[in-house]
Each structure stands twice: as structure tokens, then as C-alpha cells.
C-alpha atoms as a PDB file:
ATOM      1  CA  MET A   1      10.893 -58.686  10.300  1.00  0.00           C
ATOM      2  CA  VAL A   2      11.999 -57.223  13.814  1.00  0.00           C
ATOM      3  CA  ALA A   3      15.105 -55.247  12.100  1.00  0.00           C
ATOM      4  CA  SER A   4      17.900 -55.615   9.625  1.00  0.00           C
ATOM      5  CA  LEU A   5      21.248 -54.252   8.466  1.00  0.00           C
ATOM      6  CA  SER A   6      22.379 -53.560   5.109  1.00  0.00           C
ATOM      7  CA  PRO A   7      25.674 -51.817   3.757  1.00  0.00           C
ATOM      8  CA  TYR A   8      25.109 -48.518   1.925  1.00  0.00           C
ATOM      9  CA  VAL A   9      27.540 -47.578  -0.133  1.00  0.00           C
ATOM     10  CA  SER A  10      28.379 -43.757  -1.561  1.00  0.00           C
ATOM     11  CA  LEU A  11      30.338 -43.183  -4.615  1.00  0.00           C
ATOM     12  CA  PRO A  12      31.368 -40.508  -6.313  1.00  0.00           C
ATOM     13  CA  GLY A  13      29.041 -40.365  -9.490  1.00  0.00           C
ATOM     14  CA  THR A  14      29.456 -44.169 -10.459  1.00  0.00           C
ATOM     15  CA  ALA A  15      26.501 -45.675  -8.237  1.00  0.00           C
ATOM     16  CA  ARG A  16      24.533 -46.790 -11.531  1.00  0.00           C
ATOM     17  CA  GLU A  17      27.581 -48.728 -12.874  1.00  0.00           C
ATOM     18  CA  ALA A  18      28.419 -50.243  -9.707  1.00  0.00           C
ATOM     19  CA  LEU A  19      24.934 -51.478  -9.138  1.00  0.00           C
ATOM     20  CA  GLU A  20      24.806 -52.765 -12.463  1.00  0.00           C
ATOM     21  CA  PHE A  21      28.115 -54.359 -11.864  1.00  0.00           C
ATOM     22  CA  TYR A  22      27.137 -55.973  -8.629  1.00  0.00           C
ATOM     23  CA  ARG A  23      23.831 -57.404 -10.402  1.00  0.00           C
ATOM     24  CA  SER A  24      25.994 -58.886 -12.858  1.00  0.00           C
ATOM     25  CA  VAL A  25      27.989 -60.656 -10.277  1.00  0.00           C
ATOM     26  CA  LEU A  26      25.753 -61.272  -7.338  1.00  0.00           C
ATOM     27  CA  GLY A  27      22.402 -61.649  -9.577  1.00  0.00           C
ATOM     28  CA  GLY A  28      19.140 -60.283  -8.497  1.00  0.00           C
ATOM     29  CA  GLN A  29      17.202 -57.180  -9.232  1.00  0.00           C
ATOM     30  CA  VAL A  30      18.001 -53.535  -9.101  1.00  0.00           C
ATOM     31  CA  GLY A  31      15.926 -50.560  -8.112  1.00  0.00           C
ATOM     32  CA  ILE A  32      16.844 -47.048  -9.042  1.00  0.00           C
ATOM     33  CA  SER A  33      15.583 -43.542  -7.938  1.00  0.00           C
ATOM     34  CA  THR A  34      17.186 -40.551  -9.255  1.00  0.00           C
ATOM     35  CA  PHE A  35      17.761 -37.221  -7.476  1.00  0.00           C
ATOM     36  CA  ALA A  36      15.114 -35.571  -9.902  1.00  0.00           C
ATOM     37  CA  GLU A  37      12.446 -38.037  -9.184  1.00  0.00           C
ATOM     38  CA  PHE A  38      12.719 -36.889  -5.795  1.00  0.00           C
ATOM     39  CA  GLY A  39      13.021 -32.955  -6.752  1.00  0.00           C
ATOM     40  CA  ALA A  40      16.611 -33.021  -5.011  1.00  0.00           C
ATOM     41  CA  GLY A  41      18.943 -30.849  -6.928  1.00  0.00           C
ATOM     42  CA  GLY A  42      20.858 -27.944  -6.791  1.00  0.00           C
ATOM     43  CA  GLU A  43      24.128 -26.837  -7.873  1.00  0.00           C
ATOM     44  CA  GLY A  44      26.646 -29.529  -8.769  1.00  0.00           C
ATOM     45  CA  VAL A  45      23.819 -32.408  -8.552  1.00  0.00           C
ATOM     46  CA  ASP A  46      23.242 -34.488 -11.472  1.00  0.00           C
ATOM     47  CA  PRO A  47      19.364 -34.822 -11.722  1.00  0.00           C
ATOM     48  CA  ASP A  48      19.885 -38.432 -13.198  1.00  0.00           C
ATOM     49  CA  GLY A  49      22.316 -39.322 -10.552  1.00  0.00           C
ATOM     50  CA  VAL A  50      21.114 -42.250  -8.187  1.00  0.00           C
ATOM     51  CA  MET A  51      19.856 -40.606  -4.967  1.00  0.00           C
ATOM     52  CA  HIS A  52      19.070 -44.271  -3.852  1.00  0.00           C
ATOM     53  CA  GLY A  53      19.772 -47.714  -5.611  1.00  0.00           C
ATOM     54  CA  GLN A  54      19.367 -51.114  -4.442  1.00  0.00           C
ATOM     55  CA  LEU A  55      20.289 -54.536  -5.316  1.00  0.00           C
ATOM     56  CA  ASP A  56      18.174 -57.650  -3.760  1.00  0.00           C
ATOM     57  CA  THR A  57      19.834 -60.841  -4.748  1.00  0.00           C
ATOM     58  CA  PRO A  58      18.573 -64.272  -4.782  1.00  0.00           C
ATOM     59  CA  SER A  59      20.940 -64.994  -2.161  1.00  0.00           C
ATOM     60  CA  GLY A  60      19.314 -62.613   0.469  1.00  0.00           C
ATOM     61  CA  PHE A  61      21.905 -59.934   0.308  1.00  0.00           C
ATOM     62  CA  THR A  62      20.522 -56.260   0.056  1.00  0.00           C
ATOM     63  CA  LEU A  63      23.377 -53.795  -0.851  1.00  0.00           C
ATOM     64  CA  MET A  64      22.293 -50.119  -1.090  1.00  0.00           C
ATOM     65  CA  VAL A  65      24.211 -47.564  -3.361  1.00  0.00           C
ATOM     66  CA  SER A  66      24.176 -43.892  -4.182  1.00  0.00           C
ATOM     67  CA  ASP A  67      26.253 -40.926  -5.753  1.00  0.00           C
ATOM     68  CA  ALA A  68      27.493 -38.527  -3.419  1.00  0.00           C
ATOM     69  CA  MET A  69      25.800 -35.354  -2.870  1.00  0.00           C
ATOM     70  CA  PRO A  70      28.115 -32.259  -3.165  1.00  0.00           C
ATOM     71  CA  GLY A  71      30.034 -31.942   0.201  1.00  0.00           C
ATOM     72  CA  MET A  72      29.227 -35.503   1.052  1.00  0.00           C
ATOM     73  CA  SER A  73      31.971 -38.049   1.629  1.00  0.00           C
ATOM     74  CA  SER A  74      32.213 -40.715  -0.945  1.00  0.00           C
ATOM     75  CA  ALA A  75      35.418 -42.068   0.368  1.00  0.00           C
ATOM     76  CA  THR A  76      35.732 -46.062   0.125  1.00  0.00           C
ATOM     77  CA  GLY A  77      38.095 -48.552   1.807  1.00  0.00           C
ATOM     78  CA  GLY A  78      40.192 -48.555   4.783  1.00  0.00           C
ATOM     79  CA  ASN A  79      37.938 -48.858   7.752  1.00  0.00           C
ATOM     80  CA  LEU A  80      35.025 -50.934   6.429  1.00  0.00           C
ATOM     81  CA  ALA A  81      34.760 -53.862   4.282  1.00  0.00           C
ATOM     82  CA  LEU A  82      31.836 -56.007   2.781  1.00  0.00           C
ATOM     83  CA  CYS A  83      32.113 -59.839   3.701  1.00  0.00           C
ATOM     84  CA  LEU A  84      30.549 -62.712   1.937  1.00  0.00           C
ATOM     85  CA  PHE A  85      30.656 -66.075   3.912  1.00  0.00           C
ATOM     86  CA  GLY A  86      29.076 -69.231   3.811  1.00  0.00           C
ATOM     87  CA  ASP A  87      29.790 -72.952   2.964  1.00  0.00           C
ATOM     88  CA  ASP A  88      29.133 -73.059  -0.706  1.00  0.00           C
ATOM     89  CA  LEU A  89      32.952 -72.903  -2.245  1.00  0.00           C
ATOM     90  CA  GLU A  90      31.765 -72.628  -5.882  1.00  0.00           C
ATOM     91  CA  LEU A  91      29.152 -69.883  -5.406  1.00  0.00           C
ATOM     92  CA  LEU A  92      31.478 -67.748  -3.143  1.00  0.00           C
ATOM     93  CA  ARG A  93      34.514 -68.171  -5.588  1.00  0.00           C
ATOM     94  CA  GLY A  94      32.306 -66.876  -8.327  1.00  0.00           C
ATOM     95  CA  PHE A  95      31.225 -63.931  -6.190  1.00  0.00           C
ATOM     96  CA  PHE A  96      35.162 -63.646  -5.509  1.00  0.00           C
ATOM     97  CA  THR A  97      36.521 -63.717  -8.916  1.00  0.00           C
ATOM     98  CA  GLY A  98      33.727 -61.475 -10.336  1.00  0.00           C
ATOM     99  CA  LEU A  99      34.240 -58.849  -8.048  1.00  0.00           C
ATOM    100  CA  ALA A 100      37.939 -58.820  -8.618  1.00  0.00           C
ATOM    101  CA  GLU A 101      37.394 -57.956 -12.278  1.00  0.00           C
ATOM    102  CA  GLY A 102      39.041 -54.885 -12.777  1.00  0.00           C
ATOM    103  CA  GLY A 103      39.853 -54.492  -9.202  1.00  0.00           C
ATOM    104  CA  LYS A 104      42.737 -55.518  -7.025  1.00  0.00           C
ATOM    105  CA  VAL A 105      43.011 -58.940  -4.934  1.00  0.00           C
ATOM    106  CA  THR A 106      45.010 -58.209  -1.793  1.00  0.00           C
ATOM    107  CA  THR A 107      44.777 -61.650  -0.501  1.00  0.00           C
ATOM    108  CA  PRO A 108      44.001 -64.594  -2.858  1.00  0.00           C
ATOM    109  CA  LEU A 109      41.058 -66.867  -1.903  1.00  0.00           C
ATOM    110  CA  GLU A 110      42.900 -70.110  -0.641  1.00  0.00           C
ATOM    111  CA  ALA A 111      43.025 -72.159   2.295  1.00  0.00           C
ATOM    112  CA  GLN A 112      43.916 -70.361   5.667  1.00  0.00           C
ATOM    113  CA  VAL A 113      45.488 -71.643   8.851  1.00  0.00           C
ATOM    114  CA  TRP A 114      42.180 -71.536  10.599  1.00  0.00           C
ATOM    115  CA  GLY A 115      40.781 -74.187   7.786  1.00  0.00           C
ATOM    116  CA  ASP A 116      38.642 -71.910   5.990  1.00  0.00           C
ATOM    117  CA  GLN A 117      39.073 -70.287   2.417  1.00  0.00           C
ATOM    118  CA  TYR A 118      39.463 -66.775   2.729  1.00  0.00           C
ATOM    119  CA  GLY A 119      40.399 -63.937   0.159  1.00  0.00           C
ATOM    120  CA  ALA A 120      40.001 -60.187   0.060  1.00  0.00           C
ATOM    121  CA  LEU A 121      39.969 -57.750  -2.603  1.00  0.00           C
ATOM    122  CA  THR A 122      39.087 -54.146  -3.522  1.00  0.00           C
ATOM    123  CA  ASP A 123      36.612 -53.849  -6.068  1.00  0.00           C
ATOM    124  CA  ARG A 124      37.083 -51.447  -9.581  1.00  0.00           C
ATOM    125  CA  PHE A 125      34.777 -48.992  -7.485  1.00  0.00           C
ATOM    126  CA  GLY A 126      37.236 -48.922  -4.655  1.00  0.00           C
ATOM    127  CA  VAL A 127      35.033 -50.788  -1.977  1.00  0.00           C
ATOM    128  CA  ASP A 128      36.755 -53.667  -0.077  1.00  0.00           C
ATOM    129  CA  TRP A 129      35.290 -57.175   0.121  1.00  0.00           C
ATOM    130  CA  MET A 130      36.569 -60.191   2.170  1.00  0.00           C
ATOM    131  CA  VAL A 131      35.056 -63.832   1.177  1.00  0.00           C
ATOM    132  CA  ASN A 132      35.205 -66.580   3.775  1.00  0.00           C
ATOM    133  CA  VAL A 133      34.379 -70.147   3.028  1.00  0.00           C
ATOM    134  CA  SER A 134      33.787 -72.360   5.929  1.00  0.00           C
ATOM    135  CA  ALA A 135      35.721 -75.407   6.033  1.00  0.00           C
ATOM    136  CA  PRO A 136      33.502 -78.708   5.827  1.00  0.00           C
ATOM    137  CA  ALA A 137      32.449 -80.092   9.325  1.00  0.00           C
ATOM    138  CA  HIS A 138      34.395 -83.298  10.014  1.00  0.00           C
ATOM    139  CA  ALA A 139      31.889 -86.133  11.108  1.00  0.00           C
END
């Protein structure tokens, strides 16, 4: 592997819950390291908080999530969205439906003028997602 890119989401104390939620929707294995395990601490830091969490899914996604340290930004939404895309409508519709649970759908997953199925949502943790299902190729 030469290089790879993975989103890293910082949340205000909900990283463990978010990782379990994402695992329930996307599948895979979660690994969690706490602040205490790495000797990180100090005033306002929960020793059991998630210093680093990682979800590796069967689809090949890697999503990293942590609890924000005091003074660190945990703002979500507005300028960044996680995008799931491919051509498996059933799989991607399942991801969309699962991620929308407890969140807010901003664009329903449906056919768009460019021919693909597309939808957007903000999940219950304030993270923005887009899902795009490629239109079938015509022979």
C-alpha cells in the first residue's frame, strides 16, 4: 500500500456510541483505545473516553472516530460529508436507511436528473453523509 485516506471524526464525548452505531449499520470490527491506555489525561478528560477508535468494514471502509479533547473542536456538519457510493442499490439503500435512523434526511435517496440514485442525511451524531448509487450501464 502506497497511501490511503480515511475520514477521522471528532465528537463531543459520543465516539464509543457512534462507533457501535456505525458498526451496526456498516458491519465490521471496532477497535478502541482510551485516553487512560495512553496515559493521556488531565483536567476535563474522561480517562475512559475514546482517544482513537477505528471501524474496518467488510466493504473496505475505514472510519476513525475519537472523543474531542478539551479545547479541540468537535463541530460537525456544514463543510464536509462522508460519501458512500457504488452500484449495489440494495446495499447502499440499507446503509442510507441505517444511518438515517435517529438523524435527519435532507435529500431522500431517489433517482436524480443525472440518472443515479442519490440521497443525503445528517446522522444522529451530527455527521453529514451522502449516498450515490450509479445508474446501470446501458449495453
